[in-house]
Amino acid sequence: MAKPLIQMALDSLDYDQTVKLAGLVAPYVDILEIGTPCIKYNGIRLVKELKARFPNKKVLVDLKTMDAGLYEAKPFFQAGGDICTVLGVSGLATIKGVIEAANAYGKEAQIDLINVPDKAGLAREAAGAGAHIMGVHTGLDAQAAGQTPFADLQAISNLGLPIKISVAGGINASTVQQVAKAGASIVVVGAAIYGAASPSAAAKEIRGLVDAL
């Protein structure tokens, strides 16, 4: 089993705090994710800043695009983003637009399956259209209601599609190995790191657990 990449969700609205946190965790993670609230608040300047400071890390821009896929994603790929997300519920035309933008720059499009009723069906369609990453995502509101991403991860993994699978939704030190063993290519960790007393120590612990697989 290939070891999954570790993605850090940067969700703060504060620009300087986001850059500082990225610096603390960068030695232990593979992908720096600019979360949706963060990118809405700070914009393309933050993409350029993180890519300049951490050129060896992938930068994911969690746009959650809902329309105008090509038009919306293109400037973020131009600015140095390596992955942009598009909502699965946006429909195949919008998804194809983000895929087209990604391919034009040699980057990746991630399809977020949050709130998609037929996740398996959409995953098959999006993979057929050339999607690079499928995002199994249990949002914050769903997490608060007690939901986890494990069943959805297993269902998408069982499809055997030629894509990477990213998993987000309350992952922490006690569950990261379980997620990896269940078929995740990318494990997304947020609050378990940025909410810790020492984010760098928490990130190092997650790194160690993944490397031990």
N, C-alpha and C. Protein backbone atom coordinates (compact mmCIF):
# COMPACT_ATOMS: atom_id res chain seq x y z
N MET A 1 0.83 -1.20 0.00
CA MET A 1 0.00 0.00 0.00
C MET A 1 0.87 1.25 0.00
N ALA A 2 0.63 2.14 -0.95
CA ALA A 2 1.36 3.39 -0.99
C ALA A 2 0.95 4.28 0.18
N LYS A 3 1.92 4.95 0.76
CA LYS A 3 1.60 5.85 1.87
C LYS A 3 0.86 7.07 1.33
N PRO A 4 -0.21 7.48 2.01
CA PRO A 4 -0.95 8.64 1.53
C PRO A 4 -0.20 9.94 1.79
N LEU A 5 -0.55 10.95 1.02
CA LEU A 5 -0.05 12.29 1.28
C LEU A 5 -0.84 12.89 2.43
N ILE A 6 -0.21 13.79 3.16
CA ILE A 6 -0.88 14.49 4.26
C ILE A 6 -1.17 15.91 3.82
N GLN A 7 -2.43 16.30 3.96
CA GLN A 7 -2.88 17.63 3.57
C GLN A 7 -3.31 18.40 4.82
N MET A 8 -2.80 19.61 4.95
CA MET A 8 -3.15 20.45 6.09
C MET A 8 -4.16 21.51 5.67
N ALA A 9 -5.30 21.52 6.33
CA ALA A 9 -6.34 22.50 6.03
C ALA A 9 -6.08 23.79 6.81
N LEU A 10 -5.84 24.86 6.08
CA LEU A 10 -5.61 26.18 6.67
C LEU A 10 -6.92 26.95 6.57
N ASP A 11 -7.61 27.09 7.68
CA ASP A 11 -8.98 27.61 7.65
C ASP A 11 -9.15 28.99 8.27
N SER A 12 -8.09 29.56 8.81
CA SER A 12 -8.20 30.88 9.43
C SER A 12 -8.43 31.96 8.38
N LEU A 13 -9.16 33.00 8.76
CA LEU A 13 -9.34 34.14 7.86
C LEU A 13 -8.15 35.09 7.92
N ASP A 14 -7.35 34.99 8.97
CA ASP A 14 -6.23 35.90 9.18
C ASP A 14 -5.05 35.53 8.27
N TYR A 15 -4.65 36.45 7.42
CA TYR A 15 -3.59 36.19 6.44
C TYR A 15 -2.27 35.81 7.12
N ASP A 16 -1.81 36.65 8.05
CA ASP A 16 -0.52 36.41 8.69
C ASP A 16 -0.53 35.14 9.52
N GLN A 17 -1.65 34.88 10.19
CA GLN A 17 -1.75 33.66 10.99
C GLN A 17 -1.70 32.42 10.09
N THR A 18 -2.31 32.51 8.92
CA THR A 18 -2.31 31.39 7.97
C THR A 18 -0.90 31.10 7.49
N VAL A 19 -0.18 32.14 7.12
CA VAL A 19 1.20 31.96 6.64
C VAL A 19 2.09 31.41 7.76
N LYS A 20 1.89 31.89 8.98
CA LYS A 20 2.67 31.41 10.12
C LYS A 20 2.40 29.93 10.38
N LEU A 21 1.12 29.55 10.37
CA LEU A 21 0.76 28.15 10.61
C LEU A 21 1.33 27.25 9.52
N ALA A 22 1.27 27.72 8.28
CA ALA A 22 1.84 26.93 7.18
C ALA A 22 3.32 26.67 7.42
N GLY A 23 4.03 27.66 7.92
CA GLY A 23 5.45 27.48 8.21
C GLY A 23 5.71 26.47 9.31
N LEU A 24 4.83 26.42 10.30
CA LEU A 24 4.99 25.48 11.42
C LEU A 24 4.79 24.03 10.99
N VAL A 25 3.85 23.82 10.06
CA VAL A 25 3.50 22.44 9.69
C VAL A 25 4.17 21.96 8.41
N ALA A 26 4.70 22.87 7.63
CA ALA A 26 5.26 22.51 6.32
C ALA A 26 6.28 21.36 6.36
N PRO A 27 7.13 21.25 7.39
CA PRO A 27 8.08 20.15 7.39
C PRO A 27 7.43 18.77 7.46
N TYR A 28 6.16 18.70 7.84
CA TYR A 28 5.52 17.42 8.11
C TYR A 28 4.36 17.08 7.17
N VAL A 29 4.00 18.00 6.30
CA VAL A 29 2.86 17.75 5.41
C VAL A 29 3.29 17.87 3.95
N ASP A 30 2.44 17.37 3.07
CA ASP A 30 2.74 17.36 1.64
C ASP A 30 1.95 18.40 0.86
N ILE A 31 0.75 18.71 1.35
CA ILE A 31 -0.15 19.63 0.66
C ILE A 31 -0.65 20.68 1.65
N LEU A 32 -0.54 21.94 1.26
CA LEU A 32 -1.08 23.04 2.04
C LEU A 32 -2.40 23.45 1.41
N GLU A 33 -3.48 23.27 2.13
CA GLU A 33 -4.80 23.60 1.61
C GLU A 33 -5.26 24.96 2.10
N ILE A 34 -5.57 25.84 1.17
CA ILE A 34 -6.20 27.10 1.54
C ILE A 34 -7.70 26.83 1.57
N GLY A 35 -8.26 26.75 2.78
CA GLY A 35 -9.66 26.40 2.94
C GLY A 35 -10.60 27.41 2.30
N THR A 36 -11.83 27.00 2.09
CA THR A 36 -12.79 27.84 1.38
C THR A 36 -13.00 29.20 2.04
N PRO A 37 -13.27 29.28 3.35
CA PRO A 37 -13.41 30.60 3.97
C PRO A 37 -12.13 31.44 3.82
N CYS A 38 -10.99 30.77 3.93
CA CYS A 38 -9.70 31.47 3.85
C CYS A 38 -9.45 32.05 2.46
N ILE A 39 -9.74 31.28 1.41
CA ILE A 39 -9.49 31.78 0.05
C ILE A 39 -10.50 32.86 -0.32
N LYS A 40 -11.73 32.74 0.17
CA LYS A 40 -12.73 33.78 -0.09
C LYS A 40 -12.31 35.11 0.53
N TYR A 41 -11.71 35.03 1.70
CA TYR A 41 -11.35 36.24 2.44
C TYR A 41 -10.04 36.85 1.94
N ASN A 42 -9.08 36.00 1.61
CA ASN A 42 -7.73 36.48 1.29
C ASN A 42 -7.39 36.51 -0.20
N GLY A 43 -8.05 35.69 -0.98
CA GLY A 43 -7.87 35.75 -2.42
C GLY A 43 -6.55 35.21 -2.95
N ILE A 44 -6.29 35.56 -4.18
CA ILE A 44 -5.20 34.96 -4.95
C ILE A 44 -3.82 35.33 -4.41
N ARG A 45 -3.76 36.44 -3.68
CA ARG A 45 -2.48 36.85 -3.09
C ARG A 45 -1.90 35.77 -2.18
N LEU A 46 -2.78 35.09 -1.44
CA LEU A 46 -2.32 34.06 -0.51
C LEU A 46 -1.79 32.84 -1.26
N VAL A 47 -2.38 32.51 -2.39
CA VAL A 47 -1.87 31.40 -3.21
C VAL A 47 -0.43 31.69 -3.62
N LYS A 48 -0.19 32.89 -4.11
CA LYS A 48 1.15 33.28 -4.55
C LYS A 48 2.14 33.27 -3.39
N GLU A 49 1.69 33.74 -2.23
CA GLU A 49 2.55 33.81 -1.05
C GLU A 49 2.98 32.41 -0.60
N LEU A 50 2.04 31.50 -0.49
CA LEU A 50 2.38 30.16 -0.03
C LEU A 50 3.26 29.43 -1.03
N LYS A 51 2.99 29.60 -2.31
CA LYS A 51 3.81 28.91 -3.31
C LYS A 51 5.23 29.47 -3.33
N ALA A 52 5.36 30.76 -3.10
CA ALA A 52 6.69 31.36 -3.06
C ALA A 52 7.48 30.91 -1.83
N ARG A 53 6.80 30.81 -0.70
CA ARG A 53 7.47 30.42 0.53
C ARG A 53 7.75 28.92 0.61
N PHE A 54 6.86 28.13 0.03
CA PHE A 54 6.97 26.67 0.13
C PHE A 54 6.88 26.04 -1.26
N PRO A 55 7.87 26.28 -2.11
CA PRO A 55 7.80 25.81 -3.50
C PRO A 55 7.77 24.30 -3.66
N ASN A 56 8.22 23.57 -2.63
CA ASN A 56 8.24 22.11 -2.73
C ASN A 56 6.97 21.45 -2.20
N LYS A 57 6.02 22.28 -1.77
CA LYS A 57 4.73 21.75 -1.29
C LYS A 57 3.65 22.03 -2.33
N LYS A 58 2.71 21.12 -2.44
CA LYS A 58 1.56 21.38 -3.29
C LYS A 58 0.61 22.32 -2.55
N VAL A 59 0.01 23.23 -3.30
CA VAL A 59 -0.97 24.15 -2.74
C VAL A 59 -2.34 23.81 -3.33
N LEU A 60 -3.27 23.46 -2.46
CA LEU A 60 -4.64 23.18 -2.89
C LEU A 60 -5.51 24.39 -2.58
N VAL A 61 -6.24 24.84 -3.58
CA VAL A 61 -7.15 25.97 -3.42
C VAL A 61 -8.58 25.41 -3.37
N ASP A 62 -9.18 25.48 -2.19
CA ASP A 62 -10.49 24.85 -2.01
C ASP A 62 -11.60 25.80 -2.47
N LEU A 63 -11.68 26.00 -3.77
CA LEU A 63 -12.65 26.93 -4.34
C LEU A 63 -14.08 26.45 -4.19
N LYS A 64 -14.27 25.13 -4.19
CA LYS A 64 -15.62 24.56 -4.22
C LYS A 64 -16.45 25.22 -5.34
N THR A 65 -15.88 25.27 -6.51
CA THR A 65 -16.52 25.91 -7.66
C THR A 65 -17.90 25.30 -7.92
N MET A 66 -18.88 26.17 -8.19
CA MET A 66 -20.25 25.73 -8.45
C MET A 66 -20.70 26.08 -9.86
N ASP A 67 -19.97 26.98 -10.52
CA ASP A 67 -20.33 27.40 -11.88
C ASP A 67 -19.09 28.01 -12.52
N ALA A 68 -19.12 28.14 -13.84
CA ALA A 68 -18.02 28.78 -14.58
C ALA A 68 -16.68 28.13 -14.24
N GLY A 69 -16.62 26.80 -14.36
CA GLY A 69 -15.45 26.05 -13.91
C GLY A 69 -14.13 26.51 -14.49
N LEU A 70 -14.04 26.59 -15.80
CA LEU A 70 -12.80 27.00 -16.46
C LEU A 70 -12.42 28.42 -16.06
N TYR A 71 -13.38 29.32 -16.12
CA TYR A 71 -13.15 30.74 -15.86
C TYR A 71 -12.69 30.98 -14.42
N GLU A 72 -13.29 30.26 -13.48
CA GLU A 72 -12.96 30.47 -12.07
C GLU A 72 -11.64 29.83 -11.68
N ALA A 73 -11.37 28.64 -12.18
CA ALA A 73 -10.17 27.91 -11.74
C ALA A 73 -8.89 28.43 -12.40
N LYS A 74 -8.99 28.88 -13.64
CA LYS A 74 -7.80 29.24 -14.41
C LYS A 74 -6.85 30.21 -13.69
N PRO A 75 -7.33 31.34 -13.14
CA PRO A 75 -6.39 32.27 -12.50
C PRO A 75 -5.69 31.69 -11.28
N PHE A 76 -6.33 30.74 -10.60
CA PHE A 76 -5.71 30.15 -9.42
C PHE A 76 -4.62 29.15 -9.80
N PHE A 77 -4.80 28.46 -10.92
CA PHE A 77 -3.72 27.63 -11.44
C PHE A 77 -2.57 28.51 -11.94
N GLN A 78 -2.90 29.60 -12.59
CA GLN A 78 -1.88 30.54 -13.08
C GLN A 78 -1.06 31.11 -11.93
N ALA A 79 -1.70 31.30 -10.78
CA ALA A 79 -1.02 31.89 -9.63
C ALA A 79 -0.13 30.91 -8.88
N GLY A 80 -0.19 29.63 -9.25
CA GLY A 80 0.67 28.64 -8.60
C GLY A 80 -0.06 27.54 -7.88
N GLY A 81 -1.39 27.60 -7.87
CA GLY A 81 -2.14 26.51 -7.24
C GLY A 81 -1.90 25.20 -7.98
N ASP A 82 -1.79 24.12 -7.23
CA ASP A 82 -1.55 22.80 -7.82
C ASP A 82 -2.82 21.98 -7.97
N ILE A 83 -3.80 22.25 -7.10
CA ILE A 83 -5.07 21.54 -7.10
C ILE A 83 -6.17 22.57 -6.84
N CYS A 84 -7.24 22.50 -7.62
CA CYS A 84 -8.43 23.30 -7.33
C CYS A 84 -9.62 22.36 -7.20
N THR A 85 -10.53 22.71 -6.30
CA THR A 85 -11.69 21.85 -6.07
C THR A 85 -12.93 22.40 -6.77
N VAL A 86 -13.78 21.47 -7.18
CA VAL A 86 -15.07 21.80 -7.78
C VAL A 86 -16.12 20.91 -7.14
N LEU A 87 -17.28 21.45 -6.86
CA LEU A 87 -18.34 20.68 -6.23
C LEU A 87 -18.94 19.66 -7.20
N GLY A 88 -19.10 18.44 -6.73
CA GLY A 88 -19.72 17.42 -7.56
C GLY A 88 -21.14 17.78 -7.94
N VAL A 89 -21.84 18.49 -7.05
CA VAL A 89 -23.23 18.87 -7.32
C VAL A 89 -23.34 19.96 -8.38
N SER A 90 -22.20 20.52 -8.81
CA SER A 90 -22.23 21.58 -9.83
C SER A 90 -22.65 21.04 -11.20
N GLY A 91 -22.44 19.73 -11.41
CA GLY A 91 -22.78 19.14 -12.70
C GLY A 91 -21.55 18.91 -13.56
N LEU A 92 -21.68 18.03 -14.53
CA LEU A 92 -20.54 17.58 -15.30
C LEU A 92 -19.93 18.69 -16.16
N ALA A 93 -20.74 19.61 -16.65
CA ALA A 93 -20.20 20.69 -17.50
C ALA A 93 -19.22 21.55 -16.72
N THR A 94 -19.58 21.91 -15.50
CA THR A 94 -18.69 22.73 -14.66
C THR A 94 -17.46 21.94 -14.25
N ILE A 95 -17.66 20.67 -13.90
CA ILE A 95 -16.54 19.81 -13.55
C ILE A 95 -15.54 19.73 -14.70
N LYS A 96 -16.04 19.56 -15.91
CA LYS A 96 -15.15 19.48 -17.07
C LYS A 96 -14.38 20.77 -17.28
N GLY A 97 -14.97 21.90 -16.94
CA GLY A 97 -14.26 23.16 -17.07
C GLY A 97 -13.05 23.25 -16.16
N VAL A 98 -13.20 22.78 -14.92
CA VAL A 98 -12.08 22.80 -13.98
C VAL A 98 -11.01 21.79 -14.42
N ILE A 99 -11.44 20.65 -14.92
CA ILE A 99 -10.49 19.66 -15.44
C ILE A 99 -9.71 20.24 -16.62
N GLU A 100 -10.39 20.95 -17.49
CA GLU A 100 -9.73 21.57 -18.64
C GLU A 100 -8.67 22.58 -18.18
N ALA A 101 -9.03 23.39 -17.18
CA ALA A 101 -8.08 24.37 -16.65
C ALA A 101 -6.87 23.67 -16.03
N ALA A 102 -7.13 22.62 -15.26
CA ALA A 102 -6.04 21.87 -14.63
C ALA A 102 -5.10 21.28 -15.67
N ASN A 103 -5.66 20.66 -16.68
CA ASN A 103 -4.83 20.03 -17.71
C ASN A 103 -4.00 21.05 -18.47
N ALA A 104 -4.55 22.26 -18.66
CA ALA A 104 -3.84 23.30 -19.40
C ALA A 104 -2.56 23.71 -18.69
N TYR A 105 -2.53 23.55 -17.37
CA TYR A 105 -1.36 23.96 -16.59
C TYR A 105 -0.62 22.78 -15.96
N GLY A 106 -0.99 21.57 -16.35
CA GLY A 106 -0.33 20.39 -15.80
C GLY A 106 -0.62 20.21 -14.32
N LYS A 107 -1.83 20.62 -13.88
CA LYS A 107 -2.20 20.55 -12.47
C LYS A 107 -3.35 19.53 -12.30
N GLU A 108 -4.05 19.59 -11.15
CA GLU A 108 -5.06 18.59 -10.85
C GLU A 108 -6.39 19.22 -10.42
N ALA A 109 -7.47 18.57 -10.84
CA ALA A 109 -8.82 18.96 -10.43
C ALA A 109 -9.35 17.94 -9.43
N GLN A 110 -9.87 18.45 -8.33
CA GLN A 110 -10.45 17.57 -7.30
C GLN A 110 -11.95 17.78 -7.24
N ILE A 111 -12.70 16.68 -7.31
CA ILE A 111 -14.15 16.74 -7.25
C ILE A 111 -14.60 16.49 -5.81
N ASP A 112 -15.27 17.48 -5.22
CA ASP A 112 -15.74 17.37 -3.85
C ASP A 112 -17.13 16.73 -3.85
N LEU A 113 -17.23 15.57 -3.22
CA LEU A 113 -18.48 14.81 -3.21
C LEU A 113 -19.44 15.21 -2.10
N ILE A 114 -19.16 16.29 -1.40
CA ILE A 114 -20.03 16.73 -0.32
C ILE A 114 -21.45 16.97 -0.85
N ASN A 115 -22.42 16.37 -0.18
CA ASN A 115 -23.85 16.52 -0.49
C ASN A 115 -24.28 15.96 -1.85
N VAL A 116 -23.42 15.17 -2.50
CA VAL A 116 -23.81 14.50 -3.74
C VAL A 116 -24.66 13.28 -3.38
N PRO A 117 -25.89 13.17 -3.85
CA PRO A 117 -26.74 12.03 -3.48
C PRO A 117 -26.19 10.69 -3.94
N ASP A 118 -25.78 10.60 -5.21
CA ASP A 118 -25.23 9.36 -5.77
C ASP A 118 -23.73 9.54 -5.96
N LYS A 119 -22.99 9.35 -4.88
CA LYS A 119 -21.56 9.60 -4.92
C LYS A 119 -20.82 8.66 -5.88
N ALA A 120 -21.20 7.39 -5.89
CA ALA A 120 -20.54 6.43 -6.77
C ALA A 120 -20.79 6.78 -8.23
N GLY A 121 -22.01 7.12 -8.56
CA GLY A 121 -22.35 7.46 -9.93
C GLY A 121 -21.60 8.69 -10.41
N LEU A 122 -21.57 9.71 -9.57
CA LEU A 122 -20.87 10.94 -9.93
C LEU A 122 -19.37 10.70 -10.05
N ALA A 123 -18.83 9.89 -9.14
CA ALA A 123 -17.40 9.57 -9.19
C ALA A 123 -17.04 8.89 -10.51
N ARG A 124 -17.87 7.97 -10.95
CA ARG A 124 -17.61 7.30 -12.23
C ARG A 124 -17.64 8.30 -13.39
N GLU A 125 -18.65 9.17 -13.40
CA GLU A 125 -18.77 10.17 -14.47
C GLU A 125 -17.57 11.11 -14.48
N ALA A 126 -17.21 11.61 -13.31
CA ALA A 126 -16.11 12.57 -13.22
C ALA A 126 -14.78 11.93 -13.59
N ALA A 127 -14.57 10.68 -13.15
CA ALA A 127 -13.35 9.98 -13.52
C ALA A 127 -13.29 9.77 -15.03
N GLY A 128 -14.44 9.45 -15.63
CA GLY A 128 -14.50 9.29 -17.07
C GLY A 128 -14.20 10.57 -17.81
N ALA A 129 -14.49 11.72 -17.17
CA ALA A 129 -14.21 13.02 -17.78
C ALA A 129 -12.78 13.47 -17.56
N GLY A 130 -12.01 12.70 -16.78
CA GLY A 130 -10.61 13.02 -16.58
C GLY A 130 -10.25 13.62 -15.24
N ALA A 131 -11.15 13.55 -14.27
CA ALA A 131 -10.84 14.07 -12.93
C ALA A 131 -9.62 13.38 -12.35
N HIS A 132 -8.85 14.12 -11.59
CA HIS A 132 -7.61 13.58 -11.03
C HIS A 132 -7.78 13.07 -9.60
N ILE A 133 -8.63 13.76 -8.82
CA ILE A 133 -8.80 13.43 -7.41
C ILE A 133 -10.29 13.45 -7.07
N MET A 134 -10.73 12.46 -6.30
CA MET A 134 -12.10 12.45 -5.81
C MET A 134 -12.04 12.77 -4.32
N GLY A 135 -12.78 13.78 -3.88
CA GLY A 135 -12.75 14.21 -2.50
C GLY A 135 -13.93 13.68 -1.70
N VAL A 136 -13.68 12.74 -0.81
CA VAL A 136 -14.70 12.25 0.12
C VAL A 136 -14.67 13.20 1.31
N HIS A 137 -15.74 13.95 1.49
CA HIS A 137 -15.71 15.09 2.39
C HIS A 137 -16.94 15.12 3.29
N THR A 138 -16.71 14.95 4.58
CA THR A 138 -17.76 15.15 5.56
C THR A 138 -17.56 16.54 6.15
N GLY A 139 -18.46 17.46 5.84
CA GLY A 139 -18.30 18.86 6.24
C GLY A 139 -18.45 19.07 7.74
N LEU A 140 -18.13 20.29 8.16
CA LEU A 140 -18.16 20.61 9.59
C LEU A 140 -19.55 20.44 10.19
N ASP A 141 -20.56 20.85 9.45
CA ASP A 141 -21.92 20.72 9.98
C ASP A 141 -22.31 19.25 10.14
N ALA A 142 -21.91 18.43 9.15
CA ALA A 142 -22.21 17.00 9.22
C ALA A 142 -21.42 16.34 10.34
N GLN A 143 -20.16 16.78 10.54
CA GLN A 143 -19.37 16.23 11.64
C GLN A 143 -20.03 16.53 12.98
N ALA A 144 -20.56 17.74 13.11
CA ALA A 144 -21.23 18.12 14.35
C ALA A 144 -22.46 17.25 14.61
N ALA A 145 -23.03 16.72 13.53
CA ALA A 145 -24.20 15.84 13.65
C ALA A 145 -23.79 14.38 13.84
N GLY A 146 -22.48 14.14 13.94
CA GLY A 146 -21.99 12.80 14.23
C GLY A 146 -21.59 11.97 13.03
N GLN A 147 -21.58 12.56 11.84
CA GLN A 147 -21.22 11.80 10.64
C GLN A 147 -19.70 11.71 10.47
N THR A 148 -19.26 10.64 9.81
CA THR A 148 -17.84 10.42 9.51
C THR A 148 -17.70 10.06 8.03
N PRO A 149 -16.47 10.16 7.47
CA PRO A 149 -16.30 9.87 6.04
C PRO A 149 -16.02 8.41 5.71
N PHE A 150 -15.99 7.52 6.70
CA PHE A 150 -15.48 6.17 6.47
C PHE A 150 -16.32 5.34 5.49
N ALA A 151 -17.63 5.39 5.61
CA ALA A 151 -18.48 4.60 4.71
C ALA A 151 -18.34 5.08 3.27
N ASP A 152 -18.33 6.39 3.08
CA ASP A 152 -18.18 6.95 1.74
C ASP A 152 -16.80 6.61 1.16
N LEU A 153 -15.77 6.66 1.99
CA LEU A 153 -14.43 6.31 1.53
C LEU A 153 -14.40 4.87 1.03
N GLN A 154 -14.99 3.96 1.79
CA GLN A 154 -14.99 2.56 1.39
C GLN A 154 -15.73 2.36 0.08
N ALA A 155 -16.86 3.05 -0.07
CA ALA A 155 -17.67 2.91 -1.28
C ALA A 155 -16.92 3.41 -2.52
N ILE A 156 -16.25 4.53 -2.40
CA ILE A 156 -15.51 5.09 -3.55
C ILE A 156 -14.27 4.25 -3.83
N SER A 157 -13.60 3.81 -2.79
CA SER A 157 -12.40 2.98 -2.97
C SER A 157 -12.74 1.68 -3.68
N ASN A 158 -13.89 1.12 -3.35
CA ASN A 158 -14.31 -0.16 -3.94
C ASN A 158 -14.60 -0.06 -5.44
N LEU A 159 -14.77 1.15 -5.95
CA LEU A 159 -15.05 1.32 -7.38
C LEU A 159 -13.83 1.02 -8.25
N GLY A 160 -12.64 1.15 -7.66
CA GLY A 160 -11.42 0.86 -8.40
C GLY A 160 -11.13 1.83 -9.54
N LEU A 161 -11.52 3.07 -9.35
CA LEU A 161 -11.33 4.07 -10.41
C LEU A 161 -9.87 4.52 -10.48
N PRO A 162 -9.40 4.94 -11.66
CA PRO A 162 -8.01 5.38 -11.81
C PRO A 162 -7.81 6.82 -11.35
N ILE A 163 -8.15 7.07 -10.10
CA ILE A 163 -8.02 8.41 -9.54
C ILE A 163 -7.49 8.32 -8.11
N LYS A 164 -7.01 9.44 -7.60
CA LYS A 164 -6.65 9.53 -6.19
C LYS A 164 -7.91 9.81 -5.38
N ILE A 165 -7.89 9.38 -4.12
CA ILE A 165 -9.02 9.64 -3.24
C ILE A 165 -8.53 10.45 -2.04
N SER A 166 -9.12 11.63 -1.88
CA SER A 166 -8.81 12.49 -0.74
C SER A 166 -9.93 12.36 0.28
N VAL A 167 -9.57 12.31 1.56
CA VAL A 167 -10.57 12.12 2.61
C VAL A 167 -10.43 13.20 3.67
N ALA A 168 -11.55 13.89 3.95
CA ALA A 168 -11.58 14.95 4.94
C ALA A 168 -12.81 14.80 5.82
N GLY A 169 -12.62 15.10 7.10
CA GLY A 169 -13.77 15.05 8.00
C GLY A 169 -13.42 14.57 9.38
N GLY A 170 -12.78 15.42 10.16
CA GLY A 170 -12.50 15.09 11.56
C GLY A 170 -11.38 14.09 11.76
N ILE A 171 -10.48 13.96 10.80
CA ILE A 171 -9.38 12.99 10.93
C ILE A 171 -8.36 13.50 11.95
N ASN A 172 -7.90 12.58 12.80
CA ASN A 172 -6.93 12.94 13.84
C ASN A 172 -5.95 11.79 14.05
N ALA A 173 -5.12 11.90 15.08
CA ALA A 173 -4.08 10.89 15.31
C ALA A 173 -4.66 9.50 15.56
N SER A 174 -5.84 9.41 16.10
CA SER A 174 -6.42 8.11 16.42
C SER A 174 -7.08 7.45 15.21
N THR A 175 -7.33 8.22 14.15
CA THR A 175 -8.03 7.66 12.98
C THR A 175 -7.24 7.71 11.69
N VAL A 176 -6.11 8.40 11.66
CA VAL A 176 -5.41 8.62 10.40
C VAL A 176 -4.93 7.31 9.76
N GLN A 177 -4.48 6.37 10.56
CA GLN A 177 -4.03 5.10 9.99
C GLN A 177 -5.21 4.29 9.46
N GLN A 178 -6.34 4.34 10.14
CA GLN A 178 -7.54 3.65 9.67
C GLN A 178 -7.97 4.20 8.30
N VAL A 179 -7.93 5.51 8.15
CA VAL A 179 -8.29 6.15 6.89
C VAL A 179 -7.33 5.73 5.78
N ALA A 180 -6.05 5.74 6.09
CA ALA A 180 -5.05 5.35 5.10
C ALA A 180 -5.23 3.90 4.66
N LYS A 181 -5.47 3.02 5.60
CA LYS A 181 -5.64 1.61 5.29
C LYS A 181 -6.91 1.34 4.50
N ALA A 182 -7.88 2.23 4.63
CA ALA A 182 -9.16 2.05 3.93
C ALA A 182 -9.10 2.50 2.47
N GLY A 183 -7.96 3.06 2.06
CA GLY A 183 -7.80 3.38 0.64
C GLY A 183 -7.57 4.84 0.30
N ALA A 184 -7.36 5.69 1.29
CA ALA A 184 -7.14 7.11 1.01
C ALA A 184 -5.77 7.35 0.39
N SER A 185 -5.73 8.16 -0.65
CA SER A 185 -4.47 8.59 -1.24
C SER A 185 -3.97 9.86 -0.57
N ILE A 186 -4.92 10.65 -0.06
CA ILE A 186 -4.63 11.91 0.61
C ILE A 186 -5.49 11.98 1.87
N VAL A 187 -4.86 12.23 3.02
CA VAL A 187 -5.62 12.41 4.26
C VAL A 187 -5.54 13.88 4.65
N VAL A 188 -6.71 14.45 4.89
CA VAL A 188 -6.79 15.88 5.21
C VAL A 188 -6.99 16.04 6.70
N VAL A 189 -6.09 16.79 7.31
CA VAL A 189 -6.16 17.05 8.75
C VAL A 189 -6.26 18.55 8.96
N GLY A 190 -7.18 18.95 9.82
CA GLY A 190 -7.36 20.37 10.08
C GLY A 190 -7.30 20.67 11.56
N ALA A 191 -8.44 20.60 12.23
CA ALA A 191 -8.54 21.00 13.63
C ALA A 191 -7.62 20.21 14.54
N ALA A 192 -7.35 18.95 14.21
CA ALA A 192 -6.47 18.13 15.05
C ALA A 192 -5.06 18.71 15.10
N ILE A 193 -4.70 19.52 14.10
CA ILE A 193 -3.39 20.17 14.08
C ILE A 193 -3.51 21.63 14.51
N TYR A 194 -4.35 22.40 13.83
CA TYR A 194 -4.37 23.84 14.15
C TYR A 194 -5.01 24.13 15.50
N GLY A 195 -5.78 23.17 16.03
CA GLY A 195 -6.38 23.36 17.35
C GLY A 195 -5.52 22.83 18.49
N ALA A 196 -4.38 22.25 18.16
CA ALA A 196 -3.50 21.67 19.18
C ALA A 196 -2.67 22.76 19.86
N ALA A 197 -2.21 22.46 21.07
CA ALA A 197 -1.36 23.41 21.79
C ALA A 197 -0.09 23.70 21.00
N SER A 198 0.43 22.67 20.34
CA SER A 198 1.59 22.82 19.47
C SER A 198 1.25 22.24 18.10
N PRO A 199 0.86 23.07 17.14
CA PRO A 199 0.53 22.55 15.81
C PRO A 199 1.67 21.78 15.16
N SER A 200 2.89 22.23 15.36
CA SER A 200 4.02 21.53 14.75
C SER A 200 4.19 20.14 15.34
N ALA A 201 4.01 20.01 16.64
CA ALA A 201 4.12 18.70 17.30
C ALA A 201 2.99 17.78 16.84
N ALA A 202 1.80 18.33 16.70
CA ALA A 202 0.66 17.53 16.25
C ALA A 202 0.87 17.05 14.81
N ALA A 203 1.40 17.94 13.97
CA ALA A 203 1.67 17.57 12.58
C ALA A 203 2.76 16.51 12.51
N LYS A 204 3.76 16.64 13.36
CA LYS A 204 4.85 15.65 13.41
C LYS A 204 4.32 14.29 13.83
N GLU A 205 3.39 14.28 14.78
CA GLU A 205 2.79 13.01 15.23
C GLU A 205 2.02 12.35 14.09
N ILE A 206 1.22 13.12 13.36
CA ILE A 206 0.47 12.58 12.22
C ILE A 206 1.44 12.03 11.17
N ARG A 207 2.49 12.78 10.89
CA ARG A 207 3.51 12.33 9.93
C ARG A 207 4.10 11.00 10.34
N GLY A 208 4.42 10.86 11.61
CA GLY A 208 4.99 9.63 12.11
C GLY A 208 4.05 8.45 11.97
N LEU A 209 2.77 8.68 12.24
CA LEU A 209 1.80 7.62 12.13
C LEU A 209 1.62 7.16 10.69
N VAL A 210 1.62 8.09 9.75
CA VAL A 210 1.50 7.74 8.34
C VAL A 210 2.75 7.02 7.85
N ASP A 211 3.92 7.53 8.25
CA ASP A 211 5.17 6.91 7.83
C ASP A 211 5.36 5.52 8.40
N ALA A 212 4.68 5.22 9.50
CA ALA A 212 4.81 3.92 10.14
C ALA A 212 3.99 2.85 9.44
N LEU A 213 3.14 3.23 8.53
CA LEU A 213 2.31 2.24 7.84
C LEU A 213 3.16 1.31 6.97
